[in-house]
């Protein structure tokens, strides 16, 4: 089968011929219909030797949707022909967090040689994906695969971040989304579907503001010197009850703090290299709470799929054949991708 394999750190992944897996024991073989591409893949590709515990080579791709095509003799919980999305973070499977469906916060994460499909284990940028059991599989019914695949990271991470803020987002509140890309545009929709908050959006690109509008934002603006003032005005002058920063640079964190009201919530999702200095007294809003959400739980993925199947959540995608993965990676690296990039087998 064809697969996009990472064979050397810091070098572009290469299309290669790989042996089609055969499921044993509890394993499940999924025929891939679509695999998402995101900046986390770039972080893996660009990682220097020794920065990650993964052993080369392996197939990339941690956002995967497809249909079950073969089962190991001990597999249970799915049937051949089921259409599924694959829960991406794979933990140890035996700690308390994993037992509760929170592999994203596995207690043994730092000891593992992998973090999931396409993250040290062979992933879904291939014709087939071998899954260790039915445990990471969530049914999608008739949801199109190019919509389902990005839900397993872009949708799930956004949903998990919003879930942590939801108690603060009742009627009359304001939420600000900084960065309206592959994750941010889904966060806008999830906020609209699951909270009563007004949703304000910020980006540096005009086309991202148009995407925010299509996603249901009440107001969208470019990042300028007066952006904090404009956002505060839209919040009724008191500031935002919650800010979700999907960029995480020094500039976006500064904006987040400047618009957050006392007692507000800040969720930093992006890994842009920015930092906050915590001091008391200091410049941080009094009583503010900080979270660093990472991915999400298996149960939350089922909730994301339910939202998508209801029509409340739609992923803006760019589709590429698997053979055009180098072009898709280049577009993502240049910041030219619109929404979420999805690779489909040729």
Foldseek 3Di string as FASTA:
>chain_A
DWFFKQAAAQDGTDIDDDDQDDAAAQKWKFFWFKFFDAVVLVCRNNPDPPPALADDIAGAGQQTKGFTQDGHPNADDDDGGFTWTFQFFDAPCPDPCNVVQNSLPHPCVVVDSAGGDRGNHHHDLGRMDMDNHCVRIDTQPPPDGVFRRLCNFLVQLLLALVVVQQVLAAALAEEEEEDQAQNRLQNLLNCVVRYNHQYEYEYQDPVSQVSNVVSPHPYYDYDDPCVLVVQCVVSVNQFHQEYEYQAAAQVVVVSNQSRHHALHEYEYAHDNPHDDDDDVPDSGHHNYYYHDGDRHGSVSSNVSSVCVVVVSGGFDEDEDESVCVVVVVVCNVVVNGHHIYMYGHD
